[in-house]
Amino acid sequence: MKPGDKLPSKRELREIYGTSAQPVDAALFMLRTEGYVEGRQGKGTFVTDKRPY
């Protein structure tokens, strides 16, 4: 994915990867913490244009 791309919803990610909510939430939390994605209230989660390191 490239900067500005929107990630699928949590529900879509669970369906794509055949997993429960907990691993999806953990992965998204890690990606946010490391600066790879950012959440936009009411709009979704997007790939950042910032390099995390």
N, C-alpha and C. Protein backbone atom coordinates (compact mmCIF):
# COMPACT_ATOMS: atom_id res chain seq x y z
N MET A 1 0.84 -1.17 0.00
CA MET A 1 0.00 0.00 0.00
C MET A 1 0.89 1.24 0.00
N LYS A 2 0.35 2.33 -0.50
CA LYS A 2 1.12 3.56 -0.55
C LYS A 2 0.50 4.62 0.35
N PRO A 3 1.25 5.67 0.67
CA PRO A 3 0.73 6.72 1.55
C PRO A 3 -0.62 7.25 1.06
N GLY A 4 -1.52 7.41 2.00
CA GLY A 4 -2.85 7.92 1.70
C GLY A 4 -3.88 6.84 1.44
N ASP A 5 -3.43 5.60 1.20
CA ASP A 5 -4.38 4.50 0.97
C ASP A 5 -5.14 4.19 2.24
N LYS A 6 -6.40 3.87 2.07
CA LYS A 6 -7.25 3.50 3.20
C LYS A 6 -7.19 1.99 3.41
N LEU A 7 -7.02 1.59 4.66
CA LEU A 7 -7.02 0.18 5.00
C LEU A 7 -8.46 -0.34 5.02
N PRO A 8 -8.64 -1.63 4.77
CA PRO A 8 -9.97 -2.20 4.91
C PRO A 8 -10.46 -2.04 6.36
N SER A 9 -11.76 -2.12 6.55
CA SER A 9 -12.32 -2.02 7.90
C SER A 9 -11.88 -3.22 8.73
N LYS A 10 -12.02 -3.10 10.03
CA LYS A 10 -11.66 -4.20 10.92
C LYS A 10 -12.46 -5.46 10.56
N ARG A 11 -13.71 -5.29 10.26
CA ARG A 11 -14.55 -6.44 9.89
C ARG A 11 -14.03 -7.10 8.61
N GLU A 12 -13.67 -6.28 7.63
CA GLU A 12 -13.13 -6.83 6.38
C GLU A 12 -11.80 -7.54 6.63
N LEU A 13 -10.95 -6.98 7.48
CA LEU A 13 -9.67 -7.62 7.79
C LEU A 13 -9.89 -8.97 8.48
N ARG A 14 -10.86 -9.04 9.39
CA ARG A 14 -11.17 -10.32 10.04
C ARG A 14 -11.61 -11.35 9.02
N GLU A 15 -12.44 -10.94 8.06
CA GLU A 15 -12.91 -11.86 7.03
C GLU A 15 -11.78 -12.27 6.09
N ILE A 16 -10.95 -11.32 5.68
CA ILE A 16 -9.84 -11.61 4.76
C ILE A 16 -8.89 -12.62 5.38
N TYR A 17 -8.53 -12.41 6.65
CA TYR A 17 -7.54 -13.26 7.30
C TYR A 17 -8.13 -14.38 8.14
N GLY A 18 -9.45 -14.46 8.20
CA GLY A 18 -10.11 -15.54 8.92
C GLY A 18 -9.73 -15.60 10.39
N THR A 19 -9.74 -14.44 11.05
CA THR A 19 -9.34 -14.38 12.45
C THR A 19 -10.37 -13.61 13.26
N SER A 20 -10.15 -13.56 14.54
CA SER A 20 -11.05 -12.82 15.42
C SER A 20 -10.62 -11.36 15.51
N ALA A 21 -11.34 -10.59 16.29
CA ALA A 21 -11.06 -9.17 16.42
C ALA A 21 -9.75 -8.88 17.14
N GLN A 22 -9.38 -9.71 18.11
CA GLN A 22 -8.20 -9.42 18.92
C GLN A 22 -6.91 -9.31 18.11
N PRO A 23 -6.59 -10.26 17.21
CA PRO A 23 -5.36 -10.10 16.43
C PRO A 23 -5.39 -8.89 15.49
N VAL A 24 -6.55 -8.60 14.94
CA VAL A 24 -6.68 -7.44 14.05
C VAL A 24 -6.44 -6.16 14.85
N ASP A 25 -7.07 -6.06 16.02
CA ASP A 25 -6.88 -4.88 16.87
C ASP A 25 -5.41 -4.73 17.29
N ALA A 26 -4.77 -5.84 17.64
CA ALA A 26 -3.37 -5.79 18.06
C ALA A 26 -2.47 -5.34 16.91
N ALA A 27 -2.72 -5.85 15.73
CA ALA A 27 -1.90 -5.46 14.57
C ALA A 27 -2.08 -3.98 14.25
N LEU A 28 -3.32 -3.51 14.25
CA LEU A 28 -3.57 -2.10 13.96
C LEU A 28 -2.96 -1.20 15.03
N PHE A 29 -3.03 -1.63 16.28
CA PHE A 29 -2.42 -0.87 17.37
C PHE A 29 -0.91 -0.74 17.14
N MET A 30 -0.27 -1.85 16.78
CA MET A 30 1.17 -1.84 16.54
C MET A 30 1.52 -0.94 15.36
N LEU A 31 0.76 -1.02 14.28
CA LEU A 31 1.02 -0.19 13.11
C LEU A 31 0.86 1.30 13.45
N ARG A 32 -0.16 1.63 14.26
CA ARG A 32 -0.34 3.03 14.69
C ARG A 32 0.81 3.48 15.57
N THR A 33 1.18 2.65 16.54
CA THR A 33 2.25 2.98 17.48
C THR A 33 3.56 3.23 16.75
N GLU A 34 3.82 2.44 15.71
CA GLU A 34 5.08 2.57 14.96
C GLU A 34 5.01 3.65 13.88
N GLY A 35 3.84 4.25 13.70
CA GLY A 35 3.71 5.37 12.78
C GLY A 35 3.41 5.02 11.34
N TYR A 36 3.07 3.76 11.07
CA TYR A 36 2.78 3.34 9.70
C TYR A 36 1.38 3.73 9.24
N VAL A 37 0.44 3.79 10.18
CA VAL A 37 -0.94 4.15 9.85
C VAL A 37 -1.45 5.16 10.86
N GLU A 38 -2.53 5.84 10.48
CA GLU A 38 -3.19 6.77 11.40
C GLU A 38 -4.69 6.65 11.22
N GLY A 39 -5.39 6.75 12.34
CA GLY A 39 -6.84 6.71 12.31
C GLY A 39 -7.40 8.11 12.15
N ARG A 40 -8.42 8.20 11.34
CA ARG A 40 -9.13 9.48 11.18
C ARG A 40 -10.57 9.26 11.62
N GLN A 41 -10.95 10.00 12.65
CA GLN A 41 -12.26 9.83 13.26
C GLN A 41 -13.38 9.79 12.22
N GLY A 42 -14.13 8.72 12.20
CA GLY A 42 -15.26 8.59 11.31
C GLY A 42 -14.92 8.32 9.85
N LYS A 43 -13.62 8.22 9.53
CA LYS A 43 -13.23 8.02 8.14
C LYS A 43 -12.50 6.71 7.91
N GLY A 44 -11.80 6.21 8.91
CA GLY A 44 -11.07 4.96 8.78
C GLY A 44 -9.62 5.09 9.15
N THR A 45 -8.84 4.11 8.72
CA THR A 45 -7.41 4.06 9.00
C THR A 45 -6.65 4.15 7.69
N PHE A 46 -5.63 5.00 7.67
CA PHE A 46 -4.91 5.30 6.43
C PHE A 46 -3.41 5.12 6.61
N VAL A 47 -2.75 4.75 5.52
CA VAL A 47 -1.29 4.65 5.51
C VAL A 47 -0.74 6.08 5.59
N THR A 48 0.23 6.30 6.47
CA THR A 48 0.81 7.63 6.62
C THR A 48 1.82 7.92 5.52
N ASP A 49 2.10 9.18 5.34
CA ASP A 49 3.14 9.57 4.38
C ASP A 49 4.45 9.85 5.10
N LYS A 50 4.46 9.61 6.41
CA LYS A 50 5.67 9.82 7.21
C LYS A 50 6.45 8.52 7.30
N ARG A 51 7.74 8.63 7.30
CA ARG A 51 8.57 7.46 7.54
C ARG A 51 8.71 7.31 9.04
N PRO A 52 8.36 6.15 9.58
CA PRO A 52 8.38 5.99 11.02
C PRO A 52 9.77 6.08 11.65
N TYR A 53 10.83 5.78 10.89
CA TYR A 53 12.17 5.83 11.48
C TYR A 53 13.08 6.65 10.63
